[in-house]
């Protein structure tokens, strides 16, 4: 009976934990950084410039680098920036369905903070 109660209490404790929060034992809880990209999906035409916007949420460092990938073989690096919101305009060269992604990197730690993705469907 004691074993069942211990297991039940453990399950309750585990279910109250969230994957996106980290606790160091103090009273404060911080959320894991994540990247939001907009638009989340796009239907467009070849040769038209479309603006994509990225935002890093729950990140408190000063220097970020954004690496944009538009599915056409090129990566565009947006150097060191202290902006947590960044936009970029891109023209697709050929029709197709593209996975657009942006990777935010912590410049000082040289680590990935997060990745945001979008889908672009481009026609003639």
PDB file of N, CA and C in Angstrom:
ATOM      1  N   UNK A   1       0.823  -1.197   0.000  1.00  0.00           N
ATOM      2  CA  UNK A   1       0.000   0.000   0.000  1.00  0.00           C
ATOM      3  C   UNK A   1       0.864   1.257   0.000  1.00  0.00           C
ATOM      4  N   UNK A   2       1.957   1.253   0.814  1.00  0.00           N
ATOM      5  CA  UNK A   2       2.848   2.407   0.844  1.00  0.00           C
ATOM      6  C   UNK A   2       3.479   2.640  -0.526  1.00  0.00           C
ATOM      7  N   UNK A   3       3.846   1.557  -1.230  1.00  0.00           N
ATOM      8  CA  UNK A   3       4.458   1.681  -2.546  1.00  0.00           C
ATOM      9  C   UNK A   3       3.483   2.339  -3.522  1.00  0.00           C
ATOM     10  N   UNK A   4       2.234   1.977  -3.471  1.00  0.00           N
ATOM     11  CA  UNK A   4       1.237   2.564  -4.356  1.00  0.00           C
ATOM     12  C   UNK A   4       1.081   4.048  -4.059  1.00  0.00           C
ATOM     13  N   UNK A   5       1.057   4.427  -2.790  1.00  0.00           N
ATOM     14  CA  UNK A   5       0.930   5.839  -2.428  1.00  0.00           C
ATOM     15  C   UNK A   5       2.141   6.640  -2.884  1.00  0.00           C
ATOM     16  N   UNK A   6       3.347   6.073  -2.744  1.00  0.00           N
ATOM     17  CA  UNK A   6       4.561   6.754  -3.180  1.00  0.00           C
ATOM     18  C   UNK A   6       4.543   6.945  -4.698  1.00  0.00           C
ATOM     19  N   UNK A   7       4.146   5.906  -5.440  1.00  0.00           N
ATOM     20  CA  UNK A   7       4.064   6.007  -6.892  1.00  0.00           C
ATOM     21  C   UNK A   7       3.027   7.039  -7.314  1.00  0.00           C
ATOM     22  N   UNK A   8       1.877   7.041  -6.641  1.00  0.00           N
ATOM     23  CA  UNK A   8       0.834   8.004  -6.952  1.00  0.00           C
ATOM     24  C   UNK A   8       1.310   9.429  -6.690  1.00  0.00           C
ATOM     25  N   UNK A   9       1.984   9.660  -5.581  1.00  0.00           N
ATOM     26  CA  UNK A   9       2.507  10.993  -5.248  1.00  0.00           C
ATOM     27  C   UNK A   9       3.554  11.418  -6.274  1.00  0.00           C
ATOM     28  N   UNK A  10       4.387  10.491  -6.716  1.00  0.00           N
ATOM     29  CA  UNK A  10       5.405  10.798  -7.723  1.00  0.00           C
ATOM     30  C   UNK A  10       4.764  11.198  -9.041  1.00  0.00           C
ATOM     31  N   UNK A  11       3.713  10.490  -9.435  1.00  0.00           N
ATOM     32  CA  UNK A  11       3.015  10.834 -10.673  1.00  0.00           C
ATOM     33  C   UNK A  11       2.387  12.215 -10.596  1.00  0.00           C
ATOM     34  N   UNK A  12       1.826  12.556  -9.472  1.00  0.00           N
ATOM     35  CA  UNK A  12       1.229  13.879  -9.307  1.00  0.00           C
ATOM     36  C   UNK A  12       2.302  14.947  -9.421  1.00  0.00           C
ATOM     37  N   UNK A  13       3.454  14.728  -8.803  1.00  0.00           N
ATOM     38  CA  UNK A  13       4.541  15.704  -8.866  1.00  0.00           C
ATOM     39  C   UNK A  13       5.042  15.852 -10.295  1.00  0.00           C
ATOM     40  N   UNK A  14       5.193  14.752 -11.024  1.00  0.00           N
ATOM     41  CA  UNK A  14       5.672  14.822 -12.398  1.00  0.00           C
ATOM     42  C   UNK A  14       4.675  15.502 -13.314  1.00  0.00           C
ATOM     43  N   UNK A  15       3.389  15.258 -13.106  1.00  0.00           N
ATOM     44  CA  UNK A  15       2.383  15.865 -13.982  1.00  0.00           C
ATOM     45  C   UNK A  15       2.285  17.366 -13.775  1.00  0.00           C
ATOM     46  N   UNK A  16       2.740  17.865 -12.645  1.00  0.00           N
ATOM     47  CA  UNK A  16       2.681  19.309 -12.410  1.00  0.00           C
ATOM     48  C   UNK A  16       3.875  20.040 -13.008  1.00  0.00           C
ATOM     49  N   UNK A  17       4.880  19.303 -13.485  1.00  0.00           N
ATOM     50  CA  UNK A  17       6.049  19.924 -14.110  1.00  0.00           C
ATOM     51  C   UNK A  17       5.735  20.223 -15.569  1.00  0.00           C
ATOM     52  N   UNK A  18       6.260  21.336 -16.064  1.00  0.00           N
ATOM     53  CA  UNK A  18       6.062  21.723 -17.451  1.00  0.00           C
ATOM     54  C   UNK A  18       7.362  21.565 -18.206  1.00  0.00           C
ATOM     55  N   UNK A  19       7.285  21.126 -19.467  1.00  0.00           N
ATOM     56  CA  UNK A  19       8.498  20.962 -20.270  1.00  0.00           C
ATOM     57  C   UNK A  19       9.173  22.277 -20.575  1.00  0.00           C
ATOM     58  N   UNK A  20       8.413  23.365 -20.659  1.00  0.00           N
ATOM     59  CA  UNK A  20       9.009  24.627 -21.060  1.00  0.00           C
ATOM     60  C   UNK A  20       9.426  25.503 -19.891  1.00  0.00           C
ATOM     61  N   UNK A  21       9.489  24.947 -18.709  1.00  0.00           N
ATOM     62  CA  UNK A  21       9.955  25.744 -17.582  1.00  0.00           C
ATOM     63  C   UNK A  21      11.110  25.036 -16.890  1.00  0.00           C
ATOM     64  N   UNK A  22      11.949  25.836 -16.295  1.00  0.00           N
ATOM     65  CA  UNK A  22      13.122  25.323 -15.606  1.00  0.00           C
ATOM     66  C   UNK A  22      13.144  25.929 -14.218  1.00  0.00           C
ATOM     67  N   UNK A  23      13.393  25.113 -13.223  1.00  0.00           N
ATOM     68  CA  UNK A  23      13.454  25.634 -11.862  1.00  0.00           C
ATOM     69  C   UNK A  23      14.785  25.270 -11.257  1.00  0.00           C
ATOM     70  N   UNK A  24      15.392  26.213 -10.577  1.00  0.00           N
ATOM     71  CA  UNK A  24      16.670  25.951  -9.925  1.00  0.00           C
ATOM     72  C   UNK A  24      16.493  25.771  -8.423  1.00  0.00           C
ATOM     73  N   UNK A  25      15.266  25.541  -7.996  1.00  0.00           N
ATOM     74  CA  UNK A  25      15.004  25.365  -6.580  1.00  0.00           C
ATOM     75  C   UNK A  25      14.584  26.657  -5.901  1.00  0.00           C
ATOM     76  N   UNK A  26      14.775  27.794  -6.568  1.00  0.00           N
ATOM     77  CA  UNK A  26      14.339  29.060  -5.995  1.00  0.00           C
ATOM     78  C   UNK A  26      12.867  29.265  -6.337  1.00  0.00           C
ATOM     79  N   UNK A  27      12.325  30.369  -5.926  1.00  0.00           N
ATOM     80  CA  UNK A  27      10.907  30.614  -6.152  1.00  0.00           C
ATOM     81  C   UNK A  27      10.625  31.088  -7.576  1.00  0.00           C
ATOM     82  N   UNK A  28      11.648  31.477  -8.344  1.00  0.00           N
ATOM     83  CA  UNK A  28      11.405  31.975  -9.700  1.00  0.00           C
ATOM     84  C   UNK A  28      11.489  30.838 -10.708  1.00  0.00           C
ATOM     85  N   UNK A  29      10.673  30.941 -11.742  1.00  0.00           N
ATOM     86  CA  UNK A  29      10.654  29.965 -12.825  1.00  0.00           C
ATOM     87  C   UNK A  29      10.854  30.709 -14.138  1.00  0.00           C
ATOM     88  N   UNK A  30      11.745  30.209 -14.987  1.00  0.00           N
ATOM     89  CA  UNK A  30      11.969  30.840 -16.283  1.00  0.00           C
ATOM     90  C   UNK A  30      11.535  29.888 -17.376  1.00  0.00           C
ATOM     91  N   UNK A  31      11.094  30.440 -18.471  1.00  0.00           N
ATOM     92  CA  UNK A  31      10.666  29.628 -19.593  1.00  0.00           C
ATOM     93  C   UNK A  31      11.805  29.455 -20.580  1.00  0.00           C
ATOM     94  N   UNK A  32      11.751  28.368 -21.315  1.00  0.00           N
ATOM     95  CA  UNK A  32      12.745  28.062 -22.331  1.00  0.00           C
ATOM     96  C   UNK A  32      12.553  29.006 -23.525  1.00  0.00           C
ATOM     97  N   UNK A  33      13.633  29.591 -24.077  1.00  0.00           N
ATOM     98  CA  UNK A  33      13.504  30.490 -25.227  1.00  0.00           C
ATOM     99  C   UNK A  33      12.922  29.761 -26.439  1.00  0.00           C
ATOM    100  N   UNK A  34      12.185  30.498 -27.253  1.00  0.00           N
ATOM    101  CA  UNK A  34      11.651  29.939 -28.485  1.00  0.00           C
ATOM    102  C   UNK A  34      11.545  31.040 -29.530  1.00  0.00           C
ATOM    103  N   UNK A  35      11.532  30.625 -30.797  1.00  0.00           N
ATOM    104  CA  UNK A  35      11.510  31.562 -31.911  1.00  0.00           C
ATOM    105  C   UNK A  35      10.156  31.484 -32.615  1.00  0.00           C
ATOM    106  N   UNK A  36       9.575  32.637 -32.838  1.00  0.00           N
ATOM    107  CA  UNK A  36       8.313  32.754 -33.558  1.00  0.00           C
ATOM    108  C   UNK A  36       8.621  33.350 -34.930  1.00  0.00           C
ATOM    109  N   UNK A  37       8.034  32.793 -35.985  1.00  0.00           N
ATOM    110  CA  UNK A  37       8.218  33.318 -37.337  1.00  0.00           C
ATOM    111  C   UNK A  37       6.847  33.636 -37.926  1.00  0.00           C
ATOM    112  N   UNK A  38       6.786  34.717 -38.678  1.00  0.00           N
ATOM    113  CA  UNK A  38       5.529  35.113 -39.295  1.00  0.00           C
ATOM    114  C   UNK A  38       5.820  35.571 -40.723  1.00  0.00           C
ATOM    115  N   UNK A  39       5.008  35.233 -41.698  1.00  0.00           N
ATOM    116  CA  UNK A  39       3.800  34.448 -41.546  1.00  0.00           C
ATOM    117  C   UNK A  39       4.128  32.976 -41.324  1.00  0.00           C
ATOM    118  N   UNK A  40       3.213  32.260 -40.679  1.00  0.00           N
ATOM    119  CA  UNK A  40       3.454  30.835 -40.430  1.00  0.00           C
ATOM    120  C   UNK A  40       3.244  30.025 -41.703  1.00  0.00           C
ATOM    121  N   UNK A  41       2.478  30.572 -42.628  1.00  0.00           N
ATOM    122  CA  UNK A  41       2.348  29.972 -43.961  1.00  0.00           C
ATOM    123  C   UNK A  41       2.078  31.101 -44.950  1.00  0.00           C
ATOM    124  N   UNK A  42       2.432  30.855 -46.205  1.00  0.00           N
ATOM    125  CA  UNK A  42       2.337  31.891 -47.227  1.00  0.00           C
ATOM    126  C   UNK A  42       2.021  31.240 -48.564  1.00  0.00           C
ATOM    127  N   UNK A  43       1.110  31.836 -49.309  1.00  0.00           N
ATOM    128  CA  UNK A  43       0.866  31.441 -50.690  1.00  0.00           C
ATOM    129  C   UNK A  43       1.167  32.669 -51.541  1.00  0.00           C
ATOM    130  N   UNK A  44       2.084  32.520 -52.490  1.00  0.00           N
ATOM    131  CA  UNK A  44       2.509  33.686 -53.254  1.00  0.00           C
ATOM    132  C   UNK A  44       2.930  33.357 -54.669  1.00  0.00           C
ATOM    133  N   UNK A  45       3.562  34.340 -55.299  1.00  0.00           N
ATOM    134  CA  UNK A  45       3.957  34.274 -56.695  1.00  0.00           C
ATOM    135  C   UNK A  45       5.457  34.519 -56.835  1.00  0.00           C
ATOM    136  N   UNK A  46       6.071  33.842 -57.812  1.00  0.00           N
ATOM    137  CA  UNK A  46       7.490  34.019 -58.112  1.00  0.00           C
ATOM    138  C   UNK A  46       7.776  35.497 -58.391  1.00  0.00           C
ATOM    139  N   UNK A  47       8.916  35.994 -57.876  1.00  0.00           N
ATOM    140  CA  UNK A  47       9.374  37.338 -58.176  1.00  0.00           C
ATOM    141  C   UNK A  47       8.821  38.441 -57.292  1.00  0.00           C
ATOM    142  N   UNK A  48       7.909  38.124 -56.416  1.00  0.00           N
ATOM    143  CA  UNK A  48       7.345  39.116 -55.498  1.00  0.00           C
ATOM    144  C   UNK A  48       8.126  39.043 -54.182  1.00  0.00           C
ATOM    145  N   UNK A  49       8.454  40.185 -53.606  1.00  0.00           N
ATOM    146  CA  UNK A  49       9.156  40.208 -52.322  1.00  0.00           C
ATOM    147  C   UNK A  49       8.193  39.988 -51.164  1.00  0.00           C
ATOM    148  N   UNK A  50       8.463  38.999 -50.338  1.00  0.00           N
ATOM    149  CA  UNK A  50       7.642  38.700 -49.164  1.00  0.00           C
ATOM    150  C   UNK A  50       8.472  38.927 -47.916  1.00  0.00           C
ATOM    151  N   UNK A  51       7.894  39.591 -46.950  1.00  0.00           N
ATOM    152  CA  UNK A  51       8.608  39.892 -45.713  1.00  0.00           C
ATOM    153  C   UNK A  51       8.275  38.850 -44.652  1.00  0.00           C
ATOM    154  N   UNK A  52       9.328  38.261 -44.107  1.00  0.00           N
ATOM    155  CA  UNK A  52       9.213  37.317 -43.005  1.00  0.00           C
ATOM    156  C   UNK A  52       9.745  38.005 -41.751  1.00  0.00           C
ATOM    157  N   UNK A  53       9.130  37.724 -40.639  1.00  0.00           N
ATOM    158  CA  UNK A  53       9.462  38.371 -39.375  1.00  0.00           C
ATOM    159  C   UNK A  53       9.764  37.292 -38.343  1.00  0.00           C
ATOM    160  N   UNK A  54      10.805  37.497 -37.556  1.00  0.00           N
ATOM    161  CA  UNK A  54      11.159  36.543 -36.495  1.00  0.00           C
ATOM    162  C   UNK A  54      11.274  37.280 -35.171  1.00  0.00           C
ATOM    163  N   UNK A  55      10.873  36.600 -34.125  1.00  0.00           N
ATOM    164  CA  UNK A  55      10.957  37.151 -32.778  1.00  0.00           C
ATOM    165  C   UNK A  55      11.438  36.049 -31.843  1.00  0.00           C
ATOM    166  N   UNK A  56      12.388  36.402 -30.982  1.00  0.00           N
ATOM    167  CA  UNK A  56      12.859  35.475 -29.964  1.00  0.00           C
ATOM    168  C   UNK A  56      12.117  35.809 -28.670  1.00  0.00           C
ATOM    169  N   UNK A  57      11.453  34.820 -28.116  1.00  0.00           N
ATOM    170  CA  UNK A  57      10.685  34.981 -26.886  1.00  0.00           C
ATOM    171  C   UNK A  57      11.407  34.313 -25.717  1.00  0.00           C
ATOM    172  N   UNK A  58      11.273  34.884 -24.552  1.00  0.00           N
ATOM    173  CA  UNK A  58      11.818  34.316 -23.306  1.00  0.00           C
ATOM    174  C   UNK A  58      13.347  34.199 -23.335  1.00  0.00           C
ATOM    175  N   UNK A  59      14.016  35.186 -23.920  1.00  0.00           N
ATOM    176  CA  UNK A  59      15.482  35.173 -23.973  1.00  0.00           C
ATOM    177  C   UNK A  59      15.971  36.523 -23.490  1.00  0.00           C
ATOM    178  N   UNK A  60      16.906  36.538 -22.559  1.00  0.00           N
ATOM    179  CA  UNK A  60      17.298  37.802 -21.927  1.00  0.00           C
ATOM    180  C   UNK A  60      18.748  38.206 -22.196  1.00  0.00           C
ATOM    181  N   UNK A  61      19.347  37.686 -23.228  1.00  0.00           N
ATOM    182  CA  UNK A  61      20.718  38.080 -23.562  1.00  0.00           C
ATOM    183  C   UNK A  61      20.686  39.216 -24.581  1.00  0.00           C
ATOM    184  N   UNK A  62      21.829  39.863 -24.784  1.00  0.00           N
ATOM    185  CA  UNK A  62      21.871  41.037 -25.646  1.00  0.00           C
ATOM    186  C   UNK A  62      22.155  40.757 -27.114  1.00  0.00           C
ATOM    187  N   UNK A  63      23.019  39.837 -27.407  1.00  0.00           N
ATOM    188  CA  UNK A  63      23.495  39.675 -28.781  1.00  0.00           C
ATOM    189  C   UNK A  63      22.986  38.379 -29.412  1.00  0.00           C
ATOM    190  N   UNK A  64      22.297  38.520 -30.534  1.00  0.00           N
ATOM    191  CA  UNK A  64      21.781  37.378 -31.282  1.00  0.00           C
ATOM    192  C   UNK A  64      22.240  37.451 -32.727  1.00  0.00           C
ATOM    193  N   UNK A  65      22.272  36.300 -33.387  1.00  0.00           N
ATOM    194  CA  UNK A  65      22.494  36.229 -34.825  1.00  0.00           C
ATOM    195  C   UNK A  65      21.342  35.412 -35.402  1.00  0.00           C
ATOM    196  N   UNK A  66      20.786  35.868 -36.514  1.00  0.00           N
ATOM    197  CA  UNK A  66      19.693  35.160 -37.165  1.00  0.00           C
ATOM    198  C   UNK A  66      20.190  34.569 -38.476  1.00  0.00           C
ATOM    199  N   UNK A  67      19.998  33.269 -38.658  1.00  0.00           N
ATOM    200  CA  UNK A  67      20.331  32.584 -39.904  1.00  0.00           C
ATOM    201  C   UNK A  67      19.022  32.196 -40.584  1.00  0.00           C
ATOM    202  N   UNK A  68      18.755  32.805 -41.727  1.00  0.00           N
ATOM    203  CA  UNK A  68      17.531  32.545 -42.485  1.00  0.00           C
ATOM    204  C   UNK A  68      17.820  31.541 -43.588  1.00  0.00           C
ATOM    205  N   UNK A  69      16.928  30.580 -43.780  1.00  0.00           N
ATOM    206  CA  UNK A  69      17.035  29.593 -44.856  1.00  0.00           C
ATOM    207  C   UNK A  69      15.686  29.558 -45.575  1.00  0.00           C
ATOM    208  N   UNK A  70      15.695  29.786 -46.882  1.00  0.00           N
ATOM    209  CA  UNK A  70      14.459  29.869 -47.652  1.00  0.00           C
ATOM    210  C   UNK A  70      14.201  28.654 -48.531  1.00  0.00           C
ATOM    211  N   UNK A  71      14.993  27.609 -48.378  1.00  0.00           N
ATOM    212  CA  UNK A  71      14.752  26.379 -49.122  1.00  0.00           C
ATOM    213  C   UNK A  71      15.263  26.400 -50.543  1.00  0.00           C
ATOM    214  N   UNK A  72      16.010  27.421 -50.901  1.00  0.00           N
ATOM    215  CA  UNK A  72      16.555  27.516 -52.256  1.00  0.00           C
ATOM    216  C   UNK A  72      18.072  27.324 -52.271  1.00  0.00           C
ATOM    217  N   UNK A  73      18.620  26.816 -51.187  1.00  0.00           N
ATOM    218  CA  UNK A  73      20.045  26.523 -51.140  1.00  0.00           C
ATOM    219  C   UNK A  73      20.919  27.565 -50.483  1.00  0.00           C
ATOM    220  N   UNK A  74      20.393  28.729 -50.188  1.00  0.00           N
ATOM    221  CA  UNK A  74      21.198  29.791 -49.569  1.00  0.00           C
ATOM    222  C   UNK A  74      20.790  30.004 -48.113  1.00  0.00           C
ATOM    223  N   UNK A  75      21.764  30.312 -47.296  1.00  0.00           N
ATOM    224  CA  UNK A  75      21.497  30.739 -45.922  1.00  0.00           C
ATOM    225  C   UNK A  75      21.910  32.193 -45.824  1.00  0.00           C
ATOM    226  N   UNK A  76      21.044  33.022 -45.301  1.00  0.00           N
ATOM    227  CA  UNK A  76      21.333  34.441 -45.134  1.00  0.00           C
ATOM    228  C   UNK A  76      21.573  34.695 -43.654  1.00  0.00           C
ATOM    229  N   UNK A  77      22.769  35.151 -43.322  1.00  0.00           N
ATOM    230  CA  UNK A  77      23.104  35.438 -41.927  1.00  0.00           C
ATOM    231  C   UNK A  77      22.910  36.917 -41.655  1.00  0.00           C
ATOM    232  N   UNK A  78      22.164  37.203 -40.610  1.00  0.00           N
ATOM    233  CA  UNK A  78      21.907  38.578 -40.206  1.00  0.00           C
ATOM    234  C   UNK A  78      22.790  38.903 -39.013  1.00  0.00           C
ATOM    235  N   UNK A  79      24.091  39.007 -39.232  1.00  0.00           N
ATOM    236  CA  UNK A  79      25.094  39.369 -38.249  1.00  0.00           C
ATOM    237  C   UNK A  79      24.682  39.514 -36.806  1.00  0.00           C
ATOM    238  N   UNK A  80      25.534  40.125 -36.027  1.00  0.00           N
ATOM    239  CA  UNK A  80      25.272  40.381 -34.615  1.00  0.00           C
ATOM    240  C   UNK A  80      24.228  41.472 -34.488  1.00  0.00           C
ATOM    241  N   UNK A  81      23.217  41.214 -33.703  1.00  0.00           N
ATOM    242  CA  UNK A  81      22.199  42.226 -33.487  1.00  0.00           C
ATOM    243  C   UNK A  81      21.698  42.170 -32.057  1.00  0.00           C
ATOM    244  N   UNK A  82      21.295  43.297 -31.555  1.00  0.00           N
ATOM    245  CA  UNK A  82      20.706  43.316 -30.217  1.00  0.00           C
ATOM    246  C   UNK A  82      19.185  43.345 -30.319  1.00  0.00           C
ATOM    247  N   UNK A  83      18.672  43.192 -31.537  1.00  0.00           N
ATOM    248  CA  UNK A  83      17.228  43.174 -31.731  1.00  0.00           C
ATOM    249  C   UNK A  83      16.683  41.773 -31.543  1.00  0.00           C
ATOM    250  N   UNK A  84      15.579  41.651 -30.829  1.00  0.00           N
ATOM    251  CA  UNK A  84      14.926  40.352 -30.655  1.00  0.00           C
ATOM    252  C   UNK A  84      13.836  40.155 -31.676  1.00  0.00           C
ATOM    253  N   UNK A  85      13.520  41.221 -32.418  1.00  0.00           N
ATOM    254  CA  UNK A  85      12.558  41.172 -33.519  1.00  0.00           C
ATOM    255  C   UNK A  85      13.318  41.550 -34.782  1.00  0.00           C
ATOM    256  N   UNK A  86      13.189  40.756 -35.809  1.00  0.00           N
ATOM    257  CA  UNK A  86      13.933  41.040 -37.031  1.00  0.00           C
ATOM    258  C   UNK A  86      13.110  40.593 -38.230  1.00  0.00           C
ATOM    259  N   UNK A  87      13.116  41.399 -39.283  1.00  0.00           N
ATOM    260  CA  UNK A  87      12.423  40.976 -40.491  1.00  0.00           C
ATOM    261  C   UNK A  87      13.359  40.990 -41.689  1.00  0.00           C
ATOM    262  N   UNK A  88      12.948  40.261 -42.717  1.00  0.00           N
ATOM    263  CA  UNK A  88      13.756  40.104 -43.919  1.00  0.00           C
ATOM    264  C   UNK A  88      12.809  39.878 -45.092  1.00  0.00           C
ATOM    265  N   UNK A  89      13.068  40.544 -46.211  1.00  0.00           N
ATOM    266  CA  UNK A  89      12.247  40.367 -47.410  1.00  0.00           C
ATOM    267  C   UNK A  89      12.983  39.457 -48.386  1.00  0.00           C
ATOM    268  N   UNK A  90      12.231  38.505 -48.956  1.00  0.00           N
ATOM    269  CA  UNK A  90      12.832  37.518 -49.857  1.00  0.00           C
ATOM    270  C   UNK A  90      11.935  37.325 -51.079  1.00  0.00           C
ATOM    271  N   UNK A  91      12.580  37.165 -52.262  1.00  0.00           N
ATOM    272  CA  UNK A  91      11.873  36.825 -53.494  1.00  0.00           C
ATOM    273  C   UNK A  91      12.222  35.398 -53.874  1.00  0.00           C
ATOM    274  N   UNK A  92      11.215  34.561 -54.039  1.00  0.00           N
ATOM    275  CA  UNK A  92      11.449  33.191 -54.491  1.00  0.00           C
ATOM    276  C   UNK A  92      11.631  33.192 -56.006  1.00  0.00           C
ATOM    277  N   UNK A  93      12.602  32.398 -56.488  1.00  0.00           N
ATOM    278  CA  UNK A  93      12.976  32.413 -57.902  1.00  0.00           C
ATOM    279  C   UNK A  93      12.181  31.436 -58.757  1.00  0.00           C
ATOM    280  N   UNK A  94      11.729  30.335 -58.158  1.00  0.00           N
ATOM    281  CA  UNK A  94      11.003  29.311 -58.909  1.00  0.00           C
ATOM    282  C   UNK A  94       9.787  28.851 -58.101  1.00  0.00           C
ATOM    283  N   UNK A  95       8.758  28.355 -58.806  1.00  0.00           N
ATOM    284  CA  UNK A  95       7.586  27.847 -58.089  1.00  0.00           C
ATOM    285  C   UNK A  95       7.937  26.610 -57.271  1.00  0.00           C
ATOM    286  N   UNK A  96       7.203  26.379 -56.210  1.00  0.00           N
ATOM    287  CA  UNK A  96       7.408  25.201 -55.375  1.00  0.00           C
ATOM    288  C   UNK A  96       6.889  25.436 -53.973  1.00  0.00           C
ATOM    289  N   UNK A  97       7.035  24.415 -53.148  1.00  0.00           N
ATOM    290  CA  UNK A  97       6.679  24.514 -51.736  1.00  0.00           C
ATOM    291  C   UNK A  97       7.989  24.542 -50.961  1.00  0.00           C
ATOM    292  N   UNK A  98       8.183  25.586 -50.164  1.00  0.00           N
ATOM    293  CA  UNK A  98       9.448  25.805 -49.471  1.00  0.00           C
ATOM    294  C   UNK A  98       9.239  25.814 -47.958  1.00  0.00           C
ATOM    295  N   UNK A  99      10.188  25.214 -47.274  1.00  0.00           N
ATOM    296  CA  UNK A  99      10.224  25.297 -45.813  1.00  0.00           C
ATOM    297  C   UNK A  99      11.174  26.442 -45.467  1.00  0.00           C
ATOM    298  N   UNK A 100      10.629  27.510 -44.937  1.00  0.00           N
ATOM    299  CA  UNK A 100      11.411  28.678 -44.540  1.00  0.00           C
ATOM    300  C   UNK A 100      11.723  28.523 -43.059  1.00  0.00           C
ATOM    301  N   UNK A 101      12.973  28.717 -42.690  1.00  0.00           N
ATOM    302  CA  UNK A 101      13.315  28.620 -41.265  1.00  0.00           C
ATOM    303  C   UNK A 101      14.281  29.732 -40.878  1.00  0.00           C
ATOM    304  N   UNK A 102      14.228  30.078 -39.618  1.00  0.00           N
ATOM    305  CA  UNK A 102      15.178  31.034 -39.051  1.00  0.00           C
ATOM    306  C   UNK A 102      15.717  30.418 -37.767  1.00  0.00           C
ATOM    307  N   UNK A 103      17.037  30.448 -37.649  1.00  0.00           N
ATOM    308  CA  UNK A 103      17.701  29.944 -36.447  1.00  0.00           C
ATOM    309  C   UNK A 103      18.293  31.133 -35.707  1.00  0.00           C
ATOM    310  N   UNK A 104      17.917  31.288 -34.461  1.00  0.00           N
ATOM    311  CA  UNK A 104      18.475  32.351 -33.622  1.00  0.00           C
ATOM    312  C   UNK A 104      19.610  31.751 -32.798  1.00  0.00           C
ATOM    313  N   UNK A 105      20.754  32.433 -32.809  1.00  0.00           N
ATOM    314  CA  UNK A 105      21.934  31.950 -32.083  1.00  0.00           C
ATOM    315  C   UNK A 105      22.395  32.993 -31.075  1.00  0.00           C
ATOM    316  N   UNK A 106      22.803  32.523 -29.921  1.00  0.00           N
ATOM    317  CA  UNK A 106      23.432  33.376 -28.916  1.00  0.00           C
ATOM    318  C   UNK A 106      24.862  33.620 -29.391  1.00  0.00           C
ATOM    319  N   UNK A 107      25.198  34.867 -29.665  1.00  0.00           N
ATOM    320  CA  UNK A 107      26.509  35.203 -30.223  1.00  0.00           C
ATOM    321  C   UNK A 107      27.628  34.868 -29.248  1.00  0.00           C
ATOM    322  N   UNK A 108      27.436  35.152 -27.967  1.00  0.00           N
ATOM    323  CA  UNK A 108      28.507  34.949 -26.983  1.00  0.00           C
ATOM    324  C   UNK A 108      28.750  33.469 -26.684  1.00  0.00           C
ATOM    325  N   UNK A 109      27.676  32.693 -26.528  1.00  0.00           N
ATOM    326  CA  UNK A 109      27.830  31.275 -26.200  1.00  0.00           C
ATOM    327  C   UNK A 109      27.952  30.405 -27.445  1.00  0.00           C
ATOM    328  N   UNK A 110      27.692  30.987 -28.640  1.00  0.00           N
ATOM    329  CA  UNK A 110      27.692  30.261 -29.904  1.00  0.00           C
ATOM    330  C   UNK A 110      26.812  29.013 -29.820  1.00  0.00           C
ATOM    331  N   UNK A 111      25.586  29.229 -29.288  1.00  0.00           N
ATOM    332  CA  UNK A 111      24.621  28.139 -29.169  1.00  0.00           C
ATOM    333  C   UNK A 111      23.313  28.551 -29.849  1.00  0.00           C
ATOM    334  N   UNK A 112      22.545  27.557 -30.235  1.00  0.00           N
ATOM    335  CA  UNK A 112      21.242  27.811 -30.843  1.00  0.00           C
ATOM    336  C   UNK A 112      20.240  28.120 -29.744  1.00  0.00           C
ATOM    337  N   UNK A 113      19.562  29.251 -29.879  1.00  0.00           N
ATOM    338  CA  UNK A 113      18.519  29.648 -28.931  1.00  0.00           C
ATOM    339  C   UNK A 113      17.203  28.995 -29.321  1.00  0.00           C
ATOM    340  N   UNK A 114      16.924  28.958 -30.617  1.00  0.00           N
ATOM    341  CA  UNK A 114      15.693  28.347 -31.096  1.00  0.00           C
ATOM    342  C   UNK A 114      15.583  28.437 -32.607  1.00  0.00           C
ATOM    343  N   UNK A 115      14.598  27.715 -33.149  1.00  0.00           N
ATOM    344  CA  UNK A 115      14.356  27.687 -34.589  1.00  0.00           C
ATOM    345  C   UNK A 115      12.868  27.880 -34.830  1.00  0.00           C
ATOM    346  N   UNK A 116      12.532  28.769 -35.762  1.00  0.00           N
ATOM    347  CA  UNK A 116      11.148  28.965 -36.178  1.00  0.00           C
ATOM    348  C   UNK A 116      11.000  28.552 -37.627  1.00  0.00           C
ATOM    349  N   UNK A 117       9.853  27.990 -37.992  1.00  0.00           N
ATOM    350  CA  UNK A 117       9.647  27.535 -39.363  1.00  0.00           C
ATOM    351  C   UNK A 117       8.322  28.045 -39.940  1.00  0.00           C
ATOM    352  N   UNK A 118       8.289  28.111 -41.250  1.00  0.00           N
ATOM    353  CA  UNK A 118       7.128  28.545 -41.998  1.00  0.00           C
ATOM    354  C   UNK A 118       7.098  27.767 -43.307  1.00  0.00           C
ATOM    355  N   UNK A 119       5.937  27.693 -43.935  1.00  0.00           N
ATOM    356  CA  UNK A 119       5.814  27.036 -45.239  1.00  0.00           C
ATOM    357  C   UNK A 119       5.379  28.077 -46.270  1.00  0.00           C
ATOM    358  N   UNK A 120       6.091  28.143 -47.391  1.00  0.00           N
ATOM    359  CA  UNK A 120       5.746  29.060 -48.478  1.00  0.00           C
ATOM    360  C   UNK A 120       5.414  28.242 -49.718  1.00  0.00           C
ATOM    361  N   UNK A 121       4.202  28.435 -50.256  1.00  0.00           N
ATOM    362  CA  UNK A 121       3.790  27.803 -51.492  1.00  0.00           C
ATOM    363  C   UNK A 121       3.811  28.877 -52.580  1.00  0.00           C
ATOM    364  N   UNK A 122       4.712  28.706 -53.540  1.00  0.00           N
ATOM    365  CA  UNK A 122       4.963  29.740 -54.555  1.00  0.00           C
ATOM    366  C   UNK A 122       4.564  29.201 -55.932  1.00  0.00           C
ATOM    367  N   UNK A 123       3.797  30.007 -56.663  1.00  0.00           N
ATOM    368  CA  UNK A 123       3.357  29.649 -58.007  1.00  0.00           C
ATOM    369  C   UNK A 123       3.849  30.676 -59.015  1.00  0.00           C
ATOM    370  N   UNK A 124       3.676  30.383 -60.309  1.00  0.00           N
ATOM    371  CA  UNK A 124       4.058  31.345 -61.368  1.00  0.00           C
ATOM    372  C   UNK A 124       3.113  32.512 -61.404  1.00  0.00           C
TER     373      UNK A 124
END
